[in-house]
Amino acid sequence: MSSSQTAHATLHYGDGEFAVLKPGRFVTCAVSGKTIPLETLRYWSVSHQEAYAGPGEAFQRLGQVA
């Protein structure tokens, strides 16, 4: 496997889409620390530029910063 297939990706999170800045297979949830494969990434914050494993983690984080 190449390093990009096992590496942590660096993304720029936009409205409804993200751009890959550094290729990789996954990102890490900012709340739980869980690994999120890019193909399943659905939740992130544009303003905080961080990813979330699911809706629970996203709501938890938004509740902390609101």
PDB file of N, CA and C in Angstrom:
ATOM      1  N   MET A   1       0.830  -1.181   0.000  1.00  0.00           N
ATOM      2  CA  MET A   1       0.000   0.000   0.000  1.00  0.00           C
ATOM      3  C   MET A   1       0.877   1.248   0.000  1.00  0.00           C
ATOM      4  N   SER A   2       0.436   2.253  -0.740  1.00  0.00           N
ATOM      5  CA  SER A   2       1.195   3.503  -0.741  1.00  0.00           C
ATOM      6  C   SER A   2       0.891   4.284   0.531  1.00  0.00           C
ATOM      7  N   SER A   3       1.752   5.240   0.851  1.00  0.00           N
ATOM      8  CA  SER A   3       1.557   5.997   2.089  1.00  0.00           C
ATOM      9  C   SER A   3       0.275   6.807   2.067  1.00  0.00           C
ATOM     10  N   SER A   4      -0.195   7.244   0.878  1.00  0.00           N
ATOM     11  CA  SER A   4      -1.440   8.020   0.827  1.00  0.00           C
ATOM     12  C   SER A   4      -2.657   7.162   1.148  1.00  0.00           C
ATOM     13  N   GLN A   5      -2.538   5.834   1.003  1.00  0.00           N
ATOM     14  CA  GLN A   5      -3.660   4.952   1.315  1.00  0.00           C
ATOM     15  C   GLN A   5      -3.773   4.677   2.808  1.00  0.00           C
ATOM     16  N   THR A   6      -2.712   4.914   3.550  1.00  0.00           N
ATOM     17  CA  THR A   6      -2.748   4.663   4.989  1.00  0.00           C
ATOM     18  C   THR A   6      -2.545   5.937   5.795  1.00  0.00           C
ATOM     19  N   ALA A   7      -2.405   7.066   5.121  1.00  0.00           N
ATOM     20  CA  ALA A   7      -2.054   8.315   5.791  1.00  0.00           C
ATOM     21  C   ALA A   7      -3.274   9.146   6.158  1.00  0.00           C
ATOM     22  N   HIS A   8      -3.053   9.995   7.121  1.00  0.00           N
ATOM     23  CA  HIS A   8      -4.039  10.975   7.545  1.00  0.00           C
ATOM     24  C   HIS A   8      -4.112  12.074   6.492  1.00  0.00           C
ATOM     25  N   ALA A   9      -5.299  12.375   6.012  1.00  0.00           N
ATOM     26  CA  ALA A   9      -5.492  13.420   5.002  1.00  0.00           C
ATOM     27  C   ALA A   9      -5.594  14.787   5.672  1.00  0.00           C
ATOM     28  N   THR A  10      -5.248  15.805   4.938  1.00  0.00           N
ATOM     29  CA  THR A  10      -5.470  17.183   5.369  1.00  0.00           C
ATOM     30  C   THR A  10      -6.487  17.778   4.410  1.00  0.00           C
ATOM     31  N   LEU A  11      -7.569  18.321   4.974  1.00  0.00           N
ATOM     32  CA  LEU A  11      -8.666  18.835   4.156  1.00  0.00           C
ATOM     33  C   LEU A  11      -8.942  20.298   4.456  1.00  0.00           C
ATOM     34  N   HIS A  12      -9.571  20.965   3.495  1.00  0.00           N
ATOM     35  CA  HIS A  12     -10.169  22.279   3.730  1.00  0.00           C
ATOM     36  C   HIS A  12     -11.662  22.058   3.614  1.00  0.00           C
ATOM     37  N   TYR A  13     -12.382  22.360   4.691  1.00  0.00           N
ATOM     38  CA  TYR A  13     -13.815  22.099   4.748  1.00  0.00           C
ATOM     39  C   TYR A  13     -14.583  23.306   4.243  1.00  0.00           C
ATOM     40  N   GLY A  14     -15.405  23.096   3.233  1.00  0.00           N
ATOM     41  CA  GLY A  14     -16.235  24.151   2.668  1.00  0.00           C
ATOM     42  C   GLY A  14     -17.705  23.849   2.887  1.00  0.00           C
ATOM     43  N   ASP A  15     -18.555  24.696   2.339  1.00  0.00           N
ATOM     44  CA  ASP A  15     -20.000  24.504   2.443  1.00  0.00           C
ATOM     45  C   ASP A  15     -20.434  23.380   1.519  1.00  0.00           C
ATOM     46  N   GLY A  16     -20.737  22.224   2.097  1.00  0.00           N
ATOM     47  CA  GLY A  16     -21.229  21.089   1.339  1.00  0.00           C
ATOM     48  C   GLY A  16     -20.174  20.266   0.633  1.00  0.00           C
ATOM     49  N   GLU A  17     -18.907  20.646   0.739  1.00  0.00           N
ATOM     50  CA  GLU A  17     -17.837  19.879   0.119  1.00  0.00           C
ATOM     51  C   GLU A  17     -16.520  20.165   0.820  1.00  0.00           C
ATOM     52  N   PHE A  18     -15.556  19.315   0.578  1.00  0.00           N
ATOM     53  CA  PHE A  18     -14.222  19.551   1.135  1.00  0.00           C
ATOM     54  C   PHE A  18     -13.192  19.382   0.030  1.00  0.00           C
ATOM     55  N   ALA A  19     -12.072  20.040   0.190  1.00  0.00           N
ATOM     56  CA  ALA A  19     -10.960  19.937  -0.753  1.00  0.00           C
ATOM     57  C   ALA A  19      -9.806  19.230  -0.057  1.00  0.00           C
ATOM     58  N   VAL A  20      -9.187  18.315  -0.759  1.00  0.00           N
ATOM     59  CA  VAL A  20      -8.046  17.572  -0.223  1.00  0.00           C
ATOM     60  C   VAL A  20      -6.779  18.399  -0.432  1.00  0.00           C
ATOM     61  N   LEU A  21      -6.149  18.797   0.670  1.00  0.00           N
ATOM     62  CA  LEU A  21      -4.901  19.546   0.618  1.00  0.00           C
ATOM     63  C   LEU A  21      -3.701  18.610   0.648  1.00  0.00           C
ATOM     64  N   LYS A  22      -3.827  17.518   1.424  1.00  0.00           N
ATOM     65  CA  LYS A  22      -2.788  16.485   1.489  1.00  0.00           C
ATOM     66  C   LYS A  22      -3.493  15.141   1.383  1.00  0.00           C
ATOM     67  N   PRO A  23      -3.194  14.357   0.351  1.00  0.00           N
ATOM     68  CA  PRO A  23      -3.888  13.081   0.157  1.00  0.00           C
ATOM     69  C   PRO A  23      -3.724  12.133   1.345  1.00  0.00           C
ATOM     70  N   GLY A  24      -4.761  11.371   1.564  1.00  0.00           N
ATOM     71  CA  GLY A  24      -4.778  10.363   2.604  1.00  0.00           C
ATOM     72  C   GLY A  24      -6.101   9.640   2.553  1.00  0.00           C
ATOM     73  N   ARG A  25      -6.249   8.667   3.414  1.00  0.00           N
ATOM     74  CA  ARG A  25      -7.469   7.852   3.423  1.00  0.00           C
ATOM     75  C   ARG A  25      -8.462   8.258   4.494  1.00  0.00           C
ATOM     76  N   PHE A  26      -8.005   9.011   5.496  1.00  0.00           N
ATOM     77  CA  PHE A  26      -8.888   9.302   6.624  1.00  0.00           C
ATOM     78  C   PHE A  26      -8.532  10.633   7.272  1.00  0.00           C
ATOM     79  N   VAL A  27      -9.491  11.103   8.101  1.00  0.00           N
ATOM     80  CA  VAL A  27      -9.275  12.234   9.007  1.00  0.00           C
ATOM     81  C   VAL A  27      -9.689  11.761  10.396  1.00  0.00           C
ATOM     82  N   THR A  28      -9.458  12.584  11.391  1.00  0.00           N
ATOM     83  CA  THR A  28      -9.776  12.225  12.766  1.00  0.00           C
ATOM     84  C   THR A  28     -10.877  13.123  13.301  1.00  0.00           C
ATOM     85  N   CYS A  29     -11.854  12.535  13.988  1.00  0.00           N
ATOM     86  CA  CYS A  29     -12.941  13.292  14.593  1.00  0.00           C
ATOM     87  C   CYS A  29     -12.381  14.208  15.681  1.00  0.00           C
ATOM     88  N   ALA A  30     -12.756  15.481  15.631  1.00  0.00           N
ATOM     89  CA  ALA A  30     -12.272  16.473  16.593  1.00  0.00           C
ATOM     90  C   ALA A  30     -12.838  16.248  17.994  1.00  0.00           C
ATOM     91  N   VAL A  31     -13.934  15.518  18.110  1.00  0.00           N
ATOM     92  CA  VAL A  31     -14.565  15.293  19.411  1.00  0.00           C
ATOM     93  C   VAL A  31     -14.163  13.943  20.000  1.00  0.00           C
ATOM     94  N   SER A  32     -14.325  12.886  19.225  1.00  0.00           N
ATOM     95  CA  SER A  32     -14.121  11.529  19.752  1.00  0.00           C
ATOM     96  C   SER A  32     -12.733  10.964  19.482  1.00  0.00           C
ATOM     97  N   GLY A  33     -12.016  11.522  18.517  1.00  0.00           N
ATOM     98  CA  GLY A  33     -10.728  10.975  18.137  1.00  0.00           C
ATOM     99  C   GLY A  33     -10.830   9.771  17.212  1.00  0.00           C
ATOM    100  N   LYS A  34     -12.056   9.398  16.806  1.00  0.00           N
ATOM    101  CA  LYS A  34     -12.252   8.258  15.911  1.00  0.00           C
ATOM    102  C   LYS A  34     -11.696   8.579  14.524  1.00  0.00           C
ATOM    103  N   THR A  35     -11.220   7.542  13.857  1.00  0.00           N
ATOM    104  CA  THR A  35     -10.769   7.654  12.476  1.00  0.00           C
ATOM    105  C   THR A  35     -11.991   7.651  11.563  1.00  0.00           C
ATOM    106  N   ILE A  36     -12.031   8.587  10.606  1.00  0.00           N
ATOM    107  CA  ILE A  36     -13.154   8.690   9.671  1.00  0.00           C
ATOM    108  C   ILE A  36     -12.611   8.521   8.249  1.00  0.00           C
ATOM    109  N   PRO A  37     -12.935   7.415   7.576  1.00  0.00           N
ATOM    110  CA  PRO A  37     -12.526   7.277   6.171  1.00  0.00           C
ATOM    111  C   PRO A  37     -13.154   8.399   5.341  1.00  0.00           C
ATOM    112  N   LEU A  38     -12.406   8.944   4.400  1.00  0.00           N
ATOM    113  CA  LEU A  38     -12.918  10.060   3.603  1.00  0.00           C
ATOM    114  C   LEU A  38     -14.214   9.727   2.885  1.00  0.00           C
ATOM    115  N   GLU A  39     -14.362   8.473   2.454  1.00  0.00           N
ATOM    116  CA  GLU A  39     -15.575   8.114   1.718  1.00  0.00           C
ATOM    117  C   GLU A  39     -16.824   8.111   2.604  1.00  0.00           C
ATOM    118  N   THR A  40     -16.661   8.138   3.925  1.00  0.00           N
ATOM    119  CA  THR A  40     -17.823   8.181   4.819  1.00  0.00           C
ATOM    120  C   THR A  40     -17.952   9.514   5.555  1.00  0.00           C
ATOM    121  N   LEU A  41     -17.060  10.449   5.299  1.00  0.00           N
ATOM    122  CA  LEU A  41     -17.095  11.748   5.978  1.00  0.00           C
ATOM    123  C   LEU A  41     -18.315  12.549   5.532  1.00  0.00           C
ATOM    124  N   ARG A  42     -19.187  12.901   6.471  1.00  0.00           N
ATOM    125  CA  ARG A  42     -20.409  13.646   6.167  1.00  0.00           C
ATOM    126  C   ARG A  42     -20.596  14.880   7.057  1.00  0.00           C
ATOM    127  N   TYR A  43     -19.862  14.949   8.150  1.00  0.00           N
ATOM    128  CA  TYR A  43     -20.073  16.023   9.127  1.00  0.00           C
ATOM    129  C   TYR A  43     -18.772  16.760   9.399  1.00  0.00           C
ATOM    130  N   TRP A  44     -18.825  18.089   9.258  1.00  0.00           N
ATOM    131  CA  TRP A  44     -17.662  18.921   9.559  1.00  0.00           C
ATOM    132  C   TRP A  44     -18.114  20.341   9.818  1.00  0.00           C
ATOM    133  N   SER A  45     -17.210  21.139  10.343  1.00  0.00           N
ATOM    134  CA  SER A  45     -17.473  22.548  10.602  1.00  0.00           C
ATOM    135  C   SER A  45     -16.593  23.385   9.684  1.00  0.00           C
ATOM    136  N   VAL A  46     -17.231  24.262   8.915  1.00  0.00           N
ATOM    137  CA  VAL A  46     -16.490  25.181   8.049  1.00  0.00           C
ATOM    138  C   VAL A  46     -15.751  26.199   8.911  1.00  0.00           C
ATOM    139  N   SER A  47     -16.423  26.740   9.917  1.00  0.00           N
ATOM    140  CA  SER A  47     -15.808  27.791  10.736  1.00  0.00           C
ATOM    141  C   SER A  47     -14.678  27.276  11.621  1.00  0.00           C
ATOM    142  N   HIS A  48     -14.776  26.028  12.070  1.00  0.00           N
ATOM    143  CA  HIS A  48     -13.728  25.456  12.928  1.00  0.00           C
ATOM    144  C   HIS A  48     -12.722  24.612  12.149  1.00  0.00           C
ATOM    145  N   GLN A  49     -13.047  24.310  10.882  1.00  0.00           N
ATOM    146  CA  GLN A  49     -12.185  23.488  10.030  1.00  0.00           C
ATOM    147  C   GLN A  49     -11.803  22.177  10.727  1.00  0.00           C
ATOM    148  N   GLU A  50     -12.862  21.453  11.156  1.00  0.00           N
ATOM    149  CA  GLU A  50     -12.645  20.163  11.796  1.00  0.00           C
ATOM    150  C   GLU A  50     -13.758  19.197  11.422  1.00  0.00           C
ATOM    151  N   ALA A  51     -13.432  17.912  11.477  1.00  0.00           N
ATOM    152  CA  ALA A  51     -14.348  16.840  11.083  1.00  0.00           C
ATOM    153  C   ALA A  51     -14.982  16.190  12.307  1.00  0.00           C
ATOM    154  N   TYR A  52     -16.165  15.590  12.088  1.00  0.00           N
ATOM    155  CA  TYR A  52     -16.884  14.884  13.149  1.00  0.00           C
ATOM    156  C   TYR A  52     -17.315  13.520  12.642  1.00  0.00           C
ATOM    157  N   ALA A  53     -17.260  12.514  13.510  1.00  0.00           N
ATOM    158  CA  ALA A  53     -17.595  11.142  13.139  1.00  0.00           C
ATOM    159  C   ALA A  53     -19.076  10.974  12.807  1.00  0.00           C
ATOM    160  N   GLY A  54     -19.933  11.776  13.396  1.00  0.00           N
ATOM    161  CA  GLY A  54     -21.365  11.657  13.148  1.00  0.00           C
ATOM    162  C   GLY A  54     -22.108  12.863  13.678  1.00  0.00           C
ATOM    163  N   PRO A  55     -23.434  12.839  13.579  1.00  0.00           N
ATOM    164  CA  PRO A  55     -24.224  13.979  14.027  1.00  0.00           C
ATOM    165  C   PRO A  55     -24.125  14.232  15.527  1.00  0.00           C
ATOM    166  N   GLY A  56     -23.986  13.178  16.314  1.00  0.00           N
ATOM    167  CA  GLY A  56     -23.859  13.347  17.768  1.00  0.00           C
ATOM    168  C   GLY A  56     -22.626  14.146  18.140  1.00  0.00           C
ATOM    169  N   GLU A  57     -21.514  13.818  17.507  1.00  0.00           N
ATOM    170  CA  GLU A  57     -20.264  14.534  17.774  1.00  0.00           C
ATOM    171  C   GLU A  57     -20.350  15.982  17.286  1.00  0.00           C
ATOM    172  N   ALA A  58     -20.970  16.187  16.134  1.00  0.00           N
ATOM    173  CA  ALA A  58     -21.118  17.544  15.604  1.00  0.00           C
ATOM    174  C   ALA A  58     -21.965  18.395  16.546  1.00  0.00           C
ATOM    175  N   PHE A  59     -23.100  17.864  17.001  1.00  0.00           N
ATOM    176  CA  PHE A  59     -23.955  18.616  17.924  1.00  0.00           C
ATOM    177  C   PHE A  59     -23.256  18.856  19.260  1.00  0.00           C
ATOM    178  N   GLN A  60     -22.510  17.855  19.724  1.00  0.00           N
ATOM    179  CA  GLN A  60     -21.776  18.019  20.980  1.00  0.00           C
ATOM    180  C   GLN A  60     -20.772  19.181  20.863  1.00  0.00           C
ATOM    181  N   ARG A  61     -20.027  19.210  19.776  1.00  0.00           N
ATOM    182  CA  ARG A  61     -19.027  20.269  19.577  1.00  0.00           C
ATOM    183  C   ARG A  61     -19.699  21.624  19.410  1.00  0.00           C
ATOM    184  N   LEU A  62     -20.765  21.699  18.646  1.00  0.00           N
ATOM    185  CA  LEU A  62     -21.465  22.972  18.443  1.00  0.00           C
ATOM    186  C   LEU A  62     -22.041  23.487  19.748  1.00  0.00           C
ATOM    187  N   GLY A  63     -22.459  22.578  20.631  1.00  0.00           N
ATOM    188  CA  GLY A  63     -22.961  22.968  21.938  1.00  0.00           C
ATOM    189  C   GLY A  63     -21.870  23.534  22.826  1.00  0.00           C
ATOM    190  N   GLN A  64     -20.626  23.084  22.629  1.00  0.00           N
ATOM    191  CA  GLN A  64     -19.494  23.563  23.428  1.00  0.00           C
ATOM    192  C   GLN A  64     -19.080  24.976  23.030  1.00  0.00           C
ATOM    193  N   VAL A  65     -19.265  25.317  21.766  1.00  0.00           N
ATOM    194  CA  VAL A  65     -18.764  26.610  21.263  1.00  0.00           C
ATOM    195  C   VAL A  65     -19.853  27.638  21.074  1.00  0.00           C
ATOM    196  N   ALA A  66     -21.093  27.241  21.246  1.00  0.00           N
ATOM    197  CA  ALA A  66     -22.207  28.182  21.020  1.00  0.00           C
ATOM    198  C   ALA A  66     -22.328  29.189  22.132  1.00  0.00           C
TER     199      ALA A  66
END
